[in-house]
N, C-alpha and C. Protein backbone atom coordinates (compact mmCIF):
# COMPACT_ATOMS: atom_id res chain seq x y z
N MET A 1 20.34 68.31 38.44
CA MET A 1 20.43 68.01 37.05
C MET A 1 20.18 66.72 36.98
N LEU A 2 19.32 66.36 36.06
CA LEU A 2 18.52 64.98 35.87
C LEU A 2 19.39 64.56 34.34
N VAL A 3 20.20 63.64 34.56
CA VAL A 3 20.56 62.78 33.21
C VAL A 3 19.90 61.51 32.86
N ALA A 4 19.80 61.48 31.64
CA ALA A 4 19.00 60.15 31.01
C ALA A 4 20.24 59.47 30.05
N ILE A 5 20.45 58.24 30.48
CA ILE A 5 21.33 57.27 29.50
C ILE A 5 20.56 56.22 28.83
N PRO A 6 19.92 56.31 27.67
CA PRO A 6 19.07 55.28 27.13
C PRO A 6 20.17 54.17 26.91
N LEU A 7 19.47 53.18 27.02
CA LEU A 7 20.26 51.79 26.77
C LEU A 7 19.21 50.88 25.63
N TYR A 8 19.86 50.01 24.93
CA TYR A 8 19.72 49.25 23.71
C TYR A 8 20.74 48.24 23.43
N PRO A 9 19.98 47.06 23.20
CA PRO A 9 20.96 45.84 22.80
C PRO A 9 22.10 46.04 21.77
N GLY A 10 23.16 45.80 22.37
CA GLY A 10 24.24 45.80 21.58
C GLY A 10 25.01 47.38 21.70
N PHE A 11 24.98 48.26 22.78
CA PHE A 11 25.49 49.49 23.03
C PHE A 11 26.78 49.02 23.74
N THR A 12 27.85 49.83 23.50
CA THR A 12 29.37 49.40 23.70
C THR A 12 29.30 49.97 25.00
N ALA A 13 29.95 49.27 26.25
CA ALA A 13 30.02 50.02 27.59
C ALA A 13 30.45 50.92 27.89
N LEU A 14 31.71 51.20 27.58
CA LEU A 14 32.04 52.37 27.73
C LEU A 14 31.77 53.81 27.41
N ASP A 15 30.83 53.62 26.41
CA ASP A 15 30.07 54.81 25.85
C ASP A 15 29.13 55.46 26.96
N ALA A 16 28.29 54.24 27.53
CA ALA A 16 27.49 54.58 28.60
C ALA A 16 28.16 54.89 30.07
N VAL A 17 29.14 53.82 30.20
CA VAL A 17 29.60 53.88 31.91
C VAL A 17 30.56 55.07 31.86
N GLY A 18 31.41 55.57 30.95
CA GLY A 18 32.35 56.49 30.89
C GLY A 18 31.70 58.19 31.49
N PRO A 19 30.60 58.51 30.61
CA PRO A 19 29.72 59.54 31.10
C PRO A 19 29.09 59.52 32.48
N TYR A 20 28.25 58.30 32.43
CA TYR A 20 27.95 57.85 33.76
C TYR A 20 28.91 58.11 34.64
N THR A 21 29.87 57.42 34.85
CA THR A 21 30.79 58.02 36.10
C THR A 21 31.40 59.27 36.42
N VAL A 22 31.51 59.89 35.19
CA VAL A 22 31.76 61.34 35.51
C VAL A 22 30.80 62.17 35.97
N LEU A 23 29.51 61.96 35.37
CA LEU A 23 28.53 62.71 35.97
C LEU A 23 27.83 62.31 37.35
N ALA A 24 27.67 60.98 37.47
CA ALA A 24 27.37 60.61 38.82
C ALA A 24 28.11 60.84 40.09
N PHE A 25 29.43 61.18 39.67
CA PHE A 25 30.24 61.64 40.76
C PHE A 25 30.24 63.36 41.18
N ALA A 26 29.18 63.96 40.18
CA ALA A 26 29.30 65.28 40.27
C ALA A 26 27.88 65.68 41.47
N PRO A 27 28.40 66.60 41.88
CA PRO A 27 27.33 67.16 43.16
C PRO A 27 26.06 67.66 42.42
N GLY A 28 24.76 67.24 43.00
CA GLY A 28 23.74 67.64 42.35
C GLY A 28 23.21 67.06 41.25
N PHE A 29 23.87 65.84 40.46
CA PHE A 29 23.52 65.25 39.33
C PHE A 29 22.95 63.86 39.85
N THR A 30 21.75 63.52 38.92
CA THR A 30 21.39 62.23 39.11
C THR A 30 21.03 61.65 37.61
N VAL A 31 21.91 60.52 37.92
CA VAL A 31 21.76 59.55 36.21
C VAL A 31 21.39 58.16 36.53
N THR A 32 20.53 58.44 35.31
CA THR A 32 19.48 57.08 35.20
C THR A 32 19.64 56.45 34.15
N PHE A 33 19.78 55.23 33.94
CA PHE A 33 19.54 54.45 32.63
C PHE A 33 18.21 54.04 32.39
N VAL A 34 17.63 54.59 31.01
CA VAL A 34 16.24 54.30 30.80
C VAL A 34 16.31 53.40 29.40
N ALA A 35 15.26 53.13 28.99
CA ALA A 35 14.95 52.59 27.85
C ALA A 35 13.35 52.50 27.92
N PRO A 36 12.64 51.99 26.43
CA PRO A 36 11.35 51.90 26.27
C PRO A 36 10.42 51.25 27.45
N GLU A 37 11.31 50.31 28.14
CA GLU A 37 10.65 49.30 29.35
C GLU A 37 12.09 49.16 30.06
N PRO A 38 11.79 49.21 31.64
CA PRO A 38 12.84 49.21 32.46
C PRO A 38 13.38 47.62 32.23
N GLY A 39 14.82 47.09 32.48
CA GLY A 39 14.90 45.99 32.44
C GLY A 39 16.49 45.64 31.88
N PRO A 40 16.89 44.40 31.63
CA PRO A 40 18.53 44.44 31.52
C PRO A 40 18.71 44.39 29.99
N PHE A 41 19.96 45.27 29.56
CA PHE A 41 20.55 45.44 28.26
C PHE A 41 22.07 45.00 28.40
N THR A 42 22.46 44.04 27.38
CA THR A 42 23.80 43.17 27.26
C THR A 42 24.40 44.37 26.20
N ASP A 43 25.81 44.43 26.65
CA ASP A 43 26.33 45.01 25.85
C ASP A 43 27.21 44.35 24.38
N CYS A 44 27.58 45.23 23.71
CA CYS A 44 28.08 44.53 22.63
C CYS A 44 29.08 43.40 22.22
N ARG A 45 29.83 43.33 23.78
CA ARG A 45 30.58 42.02 23.79
C ARG A 45 29.80 40.81 24.24
N ARG A 46 28.65 41.17 24.53
CA ARG A 46 27.94 39.89 25.24
C ARG A 46 28.35 39.58 26.58
N SER A 47 28.72 40.37 27.47
CA SER A 47 29.65 39.82 28.36
C SER A 47 29.39 41.03 29.85
N LEU A 48 28.49 41.83 29.29
CA LEU A 48 28.15 43.01 30.66
C LEU A 48 26.95 43.18 30.24
N THR A 49 26.07 43.17 31.29
CA THR A 49 24.66 43.78 31.33
C THR A 49 24.34 44.74 32.31
N LEU A 50 23.72 45.96 31.81
CA LEU A 50 23.38 47.25 32.67
C LEU A 50 21.87 47.15 32.74
N THR A 51 21.39 47.32 33.87
CA THR A 51 19.87 47.78 34.03
C THR A 51 19.27 49.00 33.83
N ALA A 52 18.24 49.19 32.94
CA ALA A 52 17.45 50.46 32.64
C ALA A 52 16.50 50.24 33.72
N THR A 53 16.48 51.15 35.03
CA THR A 53 15.76 51.29 35.94
C THR A 53 14.71 51.85 35.83
N ALA A 54 14.70 52.73 34.63
CA ALA A 54 13.39 53.35 34.29
C ALA A 54 12.70 53.29 32.93
N GLY A 55 11.56 53.50 32.65
CA GLY A 55 11.18 53.48 31.36
C GLY A 55 11.23 55.06 30.82
N LEU A 56 11.13 55.13 29.26
CA LEU A 56 11.58 56.40 28.96
C LEU A 56 10.08 57.45 29.36
N ALA A 57 9.01 56.62 29.44
CA ALA A 57 8.12 57.96 30.12
C ALA A 57 8.05 58.18 31.54
N ASP A 58 8.92 57.56 31.99
CA ASP A 58 9.23 58.06 33.35
C ASP A 58 10.18 59.36 33.63
N LEU A 59 10.92 59.20 32.44
CA LEU A 59 11.73 60.62 32.42
C LEU A 59 11.47 61.35 31.14
N PRO A 60 10.35 62.19 31.28
CA PRO A 60 9.98 62.95 29.95
C PRO A 60 10.94 63.99 29.83
N ARG A 61 11.44 64.61 30.80
CA ARG A 61 11.92 66.02 30.85
C ARG A 61 13.48 65.77 31.38
N PRO A 62 14.30 64.92 30.80
CA PRO A 62 15.67 65.02 31.35
C PRO A 62 16.41 66.35 31.49
N ASP A 63 17.19 66.62 31.98
CA ASP A 63 17.87 67.99 31.56
C ASP A 63 19.22 67.46 30.67
N VAL A 64 19.80 66.30 30.74
CA VAL A 64 20.61 66.11 29.88
C VAL A 64 20.40 64.93 29.29
N ILE A 65 20.62 64.46 28.26
CA ILE A 65 20.44 63.32 27.51
C ILE A 65 22.20 63.03 27.00
N VAL A 66 22.39 61.54 27.17
CA VAL A 66 23.58 61.06 26.79
C VAL A 66 23.04 59.76 25.95
N VAL A 67 23.70 59.34 24.79
CA VAL A 67 23.28 58.25 24.08
C VAL A 67 24.50 57.64 23.55
N PRO A 68 24.77 56.49 23.94
CA PRO A 68 25.97 55.68 23.58
C PRO A 68 25.86 55.17 22.21
N GLY A 69 26.81 54.85 21.72
CA GLY A 69 27.02 53.89 20.45
C GLY A 69 26.98 52.73 20.56
N GLY A 70 27.57 52.04 19.43
CA GLY A 70 27.57 50.55 19.34
C GLY A 70 27.16 49.74 18.14
N PRO A 71 27.61 48.49 18.21
CA PRO A 71 27.14 47.83 17.11
C PRO A 71 25.46 47.96 17.15
N GLY A 72 24.81 48.01 18.01
CA GLY A 72 23.46 47.93 17.97
C GLY A 72 22.56 49.29 17.54
N THR A 73 23.69 50.30 17.22
CA THR A 73 23.08 51.67 16.73
C THR A 73 22.22 51.32 15.44
N LEU A 74 22.59 50.56 14.80
CA LEU A 74 21.36 50.55 13.50
C LEU A 74 20.25 49.94 13.84
N GLU A 75 20.06 49.08 14.84
CA GLU A 75 18.98 48.65 15.42
C GLU A 75 17.66 49.68 16.14
N ALA A 76 18.77 50.28 16.76
CA ALA A 76 18.09 51.30 17.86
C ALA A 76 17.80 52.47 16.81
N MET A 77 18.31 52.84 15.35
CA MET A 77 17.72 53.79 14.79
C MET A 77 16.46 53.37 14.18
N GLN A 78 16.15 52.17 14.24
CA GLN A 78 14.65 51.78 13.92
C GLN A 78 13.57 51.72 14.96
N ASP A 79 14.14 52.39 16.09
CA ASP A 79 13.20 52.09 17.60
C ASP A 79 12.50 53.35 17.79
N ARG A 80 11.39 53.31 17.37
CA ARG A 80 10.03 54.45 16.97
C ARG A 80 9.88 55.17 18.51
N ALA A 81 9.96 54.40 19.41
CA ALA A 81 9.65 54.48 20.79
C ALA A 81 10.88 55.64 21.50
N LEU A 82 12.14 54.94 21.01
CA LEU A 82 13.35 55.56 21.44
C LEU A 82 13.88 56.80 20.86
N LEU A 83 13.54 57.18 19.35
CA LEU A 83 13.60 58.20 18.87
C LEU A 83 12.58 59.25 19.21
N ASP A 84 11.46 59.09 19.00
CA ASP A 84 10.34 59.91 19.83
C ASP A 84 10.50 60.81 20.91
N TRP A 85 11.01 59.49 21.77
CA TRP A 85 11.58 59.82 23.29
C TRP A 85 12.44 61.29 23.04
N ILE A 86 13.68 60.70 22.68
CA ILE A 86 14.68 61.56 21.97
C ILE A 86 14.29 63.29 21.60
N ALA A 87 13.59 62.99 20.67
CA ALA A 87 13.06 64.39 20.04
C ALA A 87 12.32 65.00 20.67
N ARG A 88 11.26 64.76 21.66
CA ARG A 88 10.51 65.29 22.61
C ARG A 88 11.19 65.79 23.78
N ALA A 89 12.13 64.87 24.20
CA ALA A 89 12.92 65.35 25.55
C ALA A 89 13.73 66.51 25.09
N HIS A 90 14.39 66.41 23.91
CA HIS A 90 15.22 67.61 23.36
C HIS A 90 14.74 68.70 23.48
N GLU A 91 13.33 69.02 23.29
CA GLU A 91 12.78 70.39 23.36
C GLU A 91 13.03 70.67 24.52
N HIS A 92 13.42 70.19 25.69
CA HIS A 92 13.41 70.91 26.97
C HIS A 92 14.65 70.28 27.80
N THR A 93 15.77 69.68 27.21
CA THR A 93 16.96 69.51 27.67
C THR A 93 17.82 70.83 27.62
N ARG A 94 18.77 70.62 28.52
CA ARG A 94 19.72 71.66 28.43
C ARG A 94 20.98 71.41 27.75
N TRP A 95 21.09 70.05 27.38
CA TRP A 95 22.05 69.54 26.69
C TRP A 95 21.28 67.92 26.28
N THR A 96 21.95 68.12 24.81
CA THR A 96 21.69 66.53 24.24
C THR A 96 22.72 66.02 23.71
N THR A 97 23.30 65.01 24.01
CA THR A 97 24.65 64.39 23.81
C THR A 97 24.59 63.05 23.21
N SER A 98 25.98 62.80 22.62
CA SER A 98 25.81 61.35 22.24
C SER A 98 27.44 60.73 22.33
N VAL A 99 27.70 59.74 22.36
CA VAL A 99 29.37 59.04 22.08
C VAL A 99 28.93 58.21 21.05
N CYS A 100 30.40 58.03 20.31
CA CYS A 100 30.64 57.21 19.48
C CYS A 100 29.38 57.46 18.36
N SER A 101 28.96 56.48 17.70
CA SER A 101 27.89 56.32 16.79
C SER A 101 26.56 56.41 17.34
N GLY A 102 26.20 56.87 18.91
CA GLY A 102 25.03 57.35 19.21
C GLY A 102 24.54 58.70 18.48
N SER A 103 25.65 59.42 17.71
CA SER A 103 25.21 60.65 16.91
C SER A 103 24.06 59.94 15.82
N TYR A 104 24.46 58.86 15.62
CA TYR A 104 23.61 58.47 14.24
C TYR A 104 21.88 58.16 14.91
N ILE A 105 21.85 57.77 16.28
CA ILE A 105 20.48 58.04 16.66
C ILE A 105 19.88 59.23 16.89
N LEU A 106 20.78 59.84 17.25
CA LEU A 106 20.23 61.65 17.45
C LEU A 106 20.11 61.88 15.91
N GLY A 107 20.73 61.62 14.77
CA GLY A 107 20.31 61.73 13.65
C GLY A 107 19.07 61.41 13.05
N ALA A 108 18.91 60.24 13.45
CA ALA A 108 17.32 59.66 12.85
C ALA A 108 16.19 60.04 13.89
N ALA A 109 16.86 60.76 15.07
CA ALA A 109 15.35 61.38 15.52
C ALA A 109 15.36 63.09 14.81
N GLY A 110 16.28 63.37 14.26
CA GLY A 110 15.99 64.57 13.35
C GLY A 110 16.56 65.41 14.18
N LEU A 111 17.52 65.40 14.65
CA LEU A 111 18.35 66.42 15.65
C LEU A 111 19.37 66.80 14.78
N LEU A 112 20.19 66.42 14.03
CA LEU A 112 21.37 66.74 13.28
C LEU A 112 21.57 67.26 12.00
N GLU A 113 20.13 67.67 11.27
CA GLU A 113 19.73 68.24 10.17
C GLU A 113 20.67 69.65 9.87
N GLY A 114 21.90 69.84 9.17
CA GLY A 114 22.60 71.05 8.99
C GLY A 114 23.32 71.16 10.13
N ARG A 115 23.79 70.34 11.10
CA ARG A 115 24.31 70.58 12.32
C ARG A 115 25.86 69.75 12.10
N ARG A 116 26.89 70.41 12.95
CA ARG A 116 28.00 69.56 12.91
C ARG A 116 28.09 68.65 13.83
N ALA A 117 28.81 67.58 13.90
CA ALA A 117 28.73 66.57 14.68
C ALA A 117 29.91 65.63 14.48
N THR A 118 30.28 64.78 15.50
CA THR A 118 31.31 63.86 15.27
C THR A 118 30.81 62.35 16.00
N THR A 119 31.72 61.56 15.32
CA THR A 119 31.30 60.06 15.98
C THR A 119 32.79 59.19 15.89
N HIS A 120 32.74 57.97 16.01
CA HIS A 120 34.25 57.09 15.82
C HIS A 120 34.48 57.41 14.18
N TRP A 121 35.72 57.18 14.42
CA TRP A 121 36.42 57.75 12.94
C TRP A 121 35.82 56.91 11.98
N GLY A 122 35.72 55.49 12.26
CA GLY A 122 35.27 54.50 11.17
C GLY A 122 34.05 55.06 10.45
N TRP A 123 33.19 55.44 11.37
CA TRP A 123 31.74 55.88 10.98
C TRP A 123 31.48 57.27 10.55
N LEU A 124 32.61 58.14 10.66
CA LEU A 124 32.40 59.51 10.35
C LEU A 124 31.75 60.04 9.19
N ASP A 125 32.19 59.68 7.84
CA ASP A 125 31.77 59.69 6.88
C ASP A 125 30.24 59.74 6.58
N GLY A 126 29.56 58.69 7.15
CA GLY A 126 28.49 58.66 7.14
C GLY A 126 27.53 59.24 7.79
N LEU A 127 27.79 60.35 8.39
CA LEU A 127 27.03 61.12 9.23
C LEU A 127 26.12 61.95 8.20
N ARG A 128 26.83 62.14 7.10
CA ARG A 128 26.07 63.08 6.03
C ARG A 128 24.42 62.53 6.02
N GLY A 129 24.82 60.82 6.15
CA GLY A 129 23.37 60.17 5.82
C GLY A 129 22.44 60.90 6.73
N VAL A 130 22.42 61.15 7.88
CA VAL A 130 21.46 61.58 8.71
C VAL A 130 21.39 63.06 8.85
N GLY A 131 22.15 63.86 7.94
CA GLY A 131 21.84 65.35 7.79
C GLY A 131 22.87 65.88 8.49
N ALA A 132 23.89 65.51 8.86
CA ALA A 132 24.91 66.21 9.82
C ALA A 132 26.07 66.63 8.97
N GLU A 133 26.67 67.55 9.34
CA GLU A 133 28.09 67.98 8.76
C GLU A 133 29.03 67.41 9.70
N PRO A 134 30.03 65.97 8.85
CA PRO A 134 30.72 65.47 9.80
C PRO A 134 32.25 66.14 10.21
N VAL A 135 32.70 66.33 11.55
CA VAL A 135 33.91 66.91 12.16
C VAL A 135 34.51 66.04 12.55
N GLY A 136 35.95 66.05 12.11
CA GLY A 136 36.67 64.79 12.35
C GLY A 136 37.52 65.54 14.19
N GLU A 137 36.81 65.75 14.96
CA GLU A 137 37.15 66.27 16.41
C GLU A 137 36.83 65.44 17.29
N ARG A 138 37.39 65.66 18.73
CA ARG A 138 37.23 64.74 19.54
C ARG A 138 35.56 64.90 20.25
N ILE A 139 35.33 66.36 20.43
CA ILE A 139 34.20 66.62 20.89
C ILE A 139 33.82 67.89 20.23
N VAL A 140 32.42 68.12 19.86
CA VAL A 140 32.00 68.85 18.67
C VAL A 140 30.67 69.61 19.44
N THR A 141 30.77 70.61 19.70
CA THR A 141 29.07 71.32 20.21
C THR A 141 28.64 72.20 19.07
N ASP A 142 27.48 72.06 18.87
CA ASP A 142 26.59 72.79 17.80
C ASP A 142 25.23 73.21 18.58
N GLY A 143 25.13 74.32 19.26
CA GLY A 143 24.29 74.76 20.01
C GLY A 143 24.15 74.04 21.16
N ARG A 144 22.75 73.36 21.54
CA ARG A 144 22.78 72.20 22.73
C ARG A 144 22.96 70.94 22.49
N ILE A 145 23.52 70.65 21.44
CA ILE A 145 23.74 69.32 21.07
C ILE A 145 25.57 69.17 21.13
N ILE A 146 25.91 67.97 22.03
CA ILE A 146 27.32 67.95 21.89
C ILE A 146 27.47 66.22 21.64
N THR A 147 28.56 66.34 20.53
CA THR A 147 28.52 64.94 20.13
C THR A 147 30.28 64.54 20.48
N ALA A 148 30.56 63.45 20.73
CA ALA A 148 31.44 62.79 21.02
C ALA A 148 32.30 61.70 20.20
N ALA A 149 33.69 61.88 19.91
CA ALA A 149 34.11 60.83 19.05
C ALA A 149 33.75 59.31 19.78
N GLY A 150 34.90 58.36 19.55
CA GLY A 150 34.65 57.09 19.71
C GLY A 150 34.99 56.50 21.03
N VAL A 151 33.97 56.22 21.60
CA VAL A 151 34.16 55.24 22.89
C VAL A 151 34.94 56.37 24.04
N SER A 152 36.18 55.99 24.24
CA SER A 152 36.58 56.83 25.23
C SER A 152 36.56 58.28 25.18
N ALA A 153 36.17 59.08 24.06
CA ALA A 153 35.82 60.43 24.09
C ALA A 153 34.74 60.73 24.94
N GLY A 154 33.81 59.55 25.24
CA GLY A 154 32.59 60.09 26.45
C GLY A 154 32.97 60.66 27.37
N ILE A 155 34.06 60.18 27.97
CA ILE A 155 34.64 60.55 29.47
C ILE A 155 35.25 62.15 29.25
N ASP A 156 35.82 62.78 28.04
CA ASP A 156 36.05 63.88 27.75
C ASP A 156 34.87 64.79 27.54
N MET A 157 34.05 64.10 26.91
CA MET A 157 32.82 65.00 26.49
C MET A 157 32.18 65.38 27.97
N ALA A 158 32.09 64.13 28.87
CA ALA A 158 31.13 64.39 30.25
C ALA A 158 31.87 65.65 30.83
N LEU A 159 33.27 65.51 30.75
CA LEU A 159 33.98 66.70 31.78
C LEU A 159 33.54 67.85 31.12
N ALA A 160 33.68 68.03 29.80
CA ALA A 160 33.54 69.22 29.37
C ALA A 160 31.75 69.77 29.66
N LEU A 161 31.11 68.96 29.36
CA LEU A 161 29.52 69.35 29.71
C LEU A 161 29.32 69.57 31.28
N LEU A 162 30.30 69.07 32.03
CA LEU A 162 30.27 68.93 33.46
C LEU A 162 30.70 70.65 33.71
N ALA A 163 31.79 70.93 33.12
CA ALA A 163 32.35 72.39 32.95
C ALA A 163 31.34 73.34 32.95
N ALA A 164 30.74 73.05 31.63
CA ALA A 164 29.68 74.07 31.10
C ALA A 164 28.21 74.24 31.87
N ALA A 165 28.09 73.11 32.71
CA ALA A 165 26.96 73.12 33.62
C ALA A 165 27.30 73.67 35.02
N THR A 166 28.48 73.73 35.28
CA THR A 166 28.93 74.30 36.79
C THR A 166 29.85 75.33 36.72
N ASP A 167 31.07 74.69 36.78
CA ASP A 167 32.54 75.41 36.21
C ASP A 167 33.41 74.49 36.19
N ASP A 168 34.78 75.39 35.90
CA ASP A 168 35.74 74.25 35.64
C ASP A 168 36.38 73.64 36.80
N THR A 169 36.14 74.25 38.24
CA THR A 169 36.62 73.37 39.40
C THR A 169 36.02 72.41 39.58
N THR A 170 34.59 72.50 39.34
CA THR A 170 33.65 71.14 39.73
C THR A 170 34.27 70.20 38.53
N ALA A 171 34.36 70.53 37.37
CA ALA A 171 34.91 69.36 36.70
C ALA A 171 36.23 68.90 36.72
N GLN A 172 37.07 69.57 37.28
CA GLN A 172 38.81 69.37 37.74
C GLN A 172 38.47 68.52 38.84
N THR A 173 37.55 68.84 39.66
CA THR A 173 37.59 67.73 41.10
C THR A 173 37.01 66.74 40.88
N VAL A 174 35.86 66.20 39.64
CA VAL A 174 35.61 65.08 39.39
C VAL A 174 36.50 64.66 38.57
N GLN A 175 37.41 64.99 37.66
CA GLN A 175 38.21 64.40 37.24
C GLN A 175 39.64 63.82 38.01
N LEU A 176 39.92 64.71 38.98
CA LEU A 176 40.63 64.31 39.95
C LEU A 176 40.05 63.11 40.93
N ALA A 177 38.86 63.01 41.21
CA ALA A 177 38.15 62.19 42.12
C ALA A 177 38.48 60.53 41.31
N ILE A 178 38.44 60.78 39.90
CA ILE A 178 38.32 59.44 39.23
C ILE A 178 39.56 59.31 38.65
N GLU A 179 40.25 59.88 38.97
CA GLU A 179 41.95 59.86 38.46
C GLU A 179 42.02 59.63 36.90
N TYR A 180 41.29 60.56 36.38
CA TYR A 180 41.50 60.35 34.82
C TYR A 180 42.63 61.18 34.28
N ASP A 181 43.75 60.71 34.44
CA ASP A 181 44.89 61.18 33.91
C ASP A 181 45.43 60.48 32.79
N PRO A 182 45.05 60.46 31.62
CA PRO A 182 45.27 59.47 30.66
C PRO A 182 47.00 59.48 30.26
N ALA A 183 47.69 58.40 30.25
CA ALA A 183 48.86 58.17 29.48
C ALA A 183 49.08 56.74 29.14
N PRO A 184 48.52 56.77 27.95
CA PRO A 184 48.39 55.35 27.54
C PRO A 184 50.02 55.01 27.16
N PRO A 185 49.98 53.52 27.34
CA PRO A 185 51.37 52.87 26.69
C PRO A 185 51.52 52.92 25.32
N PHE A 186 50.77 53.38 24.52
CA PHE A 186 50.76 53.36 22.92
C PHE A 186 50.19 55.02 22.50
N ASP A 187 51.09 55.37 21.43
CA ASP A 187 50.67 56.72 20.79
C ASP A 187 49.71 55.98 19.62
N ALA A 188 48.69 55.45 19.79
CA ALA A 188 47.92 54.87 18.58
C ALA A 188 46.50 54.95 18.79
N GLY A 189 45.95 56.22 19.52
CA GLY A 189 44.60 56.40 19.77
C GLY A 189 43.76 57.02 18.61
N SER A 190 44.19 57.31 17.51
CA SER A 190 43.31 58.19 16.59
C SER A 190 44.03 57.53 15.35
N ILE A 191 43.24 57.87 14.49
CA ILE A 191 43.11 57.16 12.87
C ILE A 191 44.58 57.95 12.38
N GLY A 192 44.70 59.08 12.93
CA GLY A 192 45.58 59.74 12.05
C GLY A 192 47.30 59.25 12.82
N LYS A 193 47.23 58.61 14.10
CA LYS A 193 48.53 58.15 14.52
C LYS A 193 48.84 56.91 14.19
N ALA A 194 47.77 55.94 13.74
CA ALA A 194 47.79 54.49 13.65
C ALA A 194 46.93 54.10 12.33
N PRO A 195 47.12 54.68 11.03
CA PRO A 195 46.43 54.32 9.79
C PRO A 195 46.38 52.67 9.36
N ALA A 196 47.79 52.04 9.85
CA ALA A 196 47.91 50.73 9.32
C ALA A 196 47.23 49.88 10.11
N LEU A 197 46.55 50.00 11.07
CA LEU A 197 45.91 49.27 12.06
C LEU A 197 44.32 49.46 12.13
N ALA A 198 43.55 50.43 11.11
CA ALA A 198 42.67 50.75 10.62
C ALA A 198 41.80 49.47 10.65
N GLU A 199 42.06 48.64 9.37
CA GLU A 199 40.89 47.34 9.29
C GLU A 199 40.90 46.72 10.46
N ALA A 200 41.86 46.23 11.12
CA ALA A 200 41.78 45.04 12.68
C ALA A 200 41.08 45.95 13.18
N ALA A 201 41.47 47.42 13.40
CA ALA A 201 40.47 48.26 14.64
C ALA A 201 38.95 48.22 14.27
N MET A 202 38.73 48.32 12.89
CA MET A 202 37.31 48.05 12.65
C MET A 202 36.78 46.65 12.78
N ALA A 203 37.45 45.82 12.59
CA ALA A 203 36.86 44.33 12.83
C ALA A 203 36.35 44.52 14.65
N LEU A 204 37.08 44.76 15.22
CA LEU A 204 36.98 44.80 16.64
C LEU A 204 35.74 45.54 16.92
N THR A 205 35.50 46.43 16.35
CA THR A 205 34.35 47.35 16.70
C THR A 205 33.13 46.78 16.16
N GLY A 206 32.93 45.82 15.31
CA GLY A 206 31.80 44.97 14.76
C GLY A 206 30.85 45.86 14.13
């Protein structure tokens, strides 16, 4: 199972690294970071750099695409090479997925017209602008397209995808291997639980 995660300047690190970790641990999965041209890409905090080891042309038919989000999304939505690759590759994928505002990139590639989709709570209503029906859920599946809500939701999405691609036991085994057992110190992880923090939280996401 070939998984391609496209990188672009200003992506959010966990959007890419969370799904990467889940799927890279899965037996039979190969995960590759790709870009129009191979090379380094720095995340939205300007402190972590990941390397795209392959060009988009090197992986024309991945089985899975995972598009991360981040403040660089708006610029990435203008990247014709990236959008054309997503649109063409989607014709052959088993699943095309996104994390956080990566769903906007799927929309810009023409994949979300009339489809249910989600993203980070702060960007949710704007999905209508790329043709989608916004859904305030952590993971939304519409056909072969799976979208995840903000940042950490990419881990959940990748585990759900892994279960669909293999079986529940495999996904559960990977979950145990990476010890993904969330027990946050605060119950403030959704807009419904901490609305008073919304303005400050949006300032952080840039």
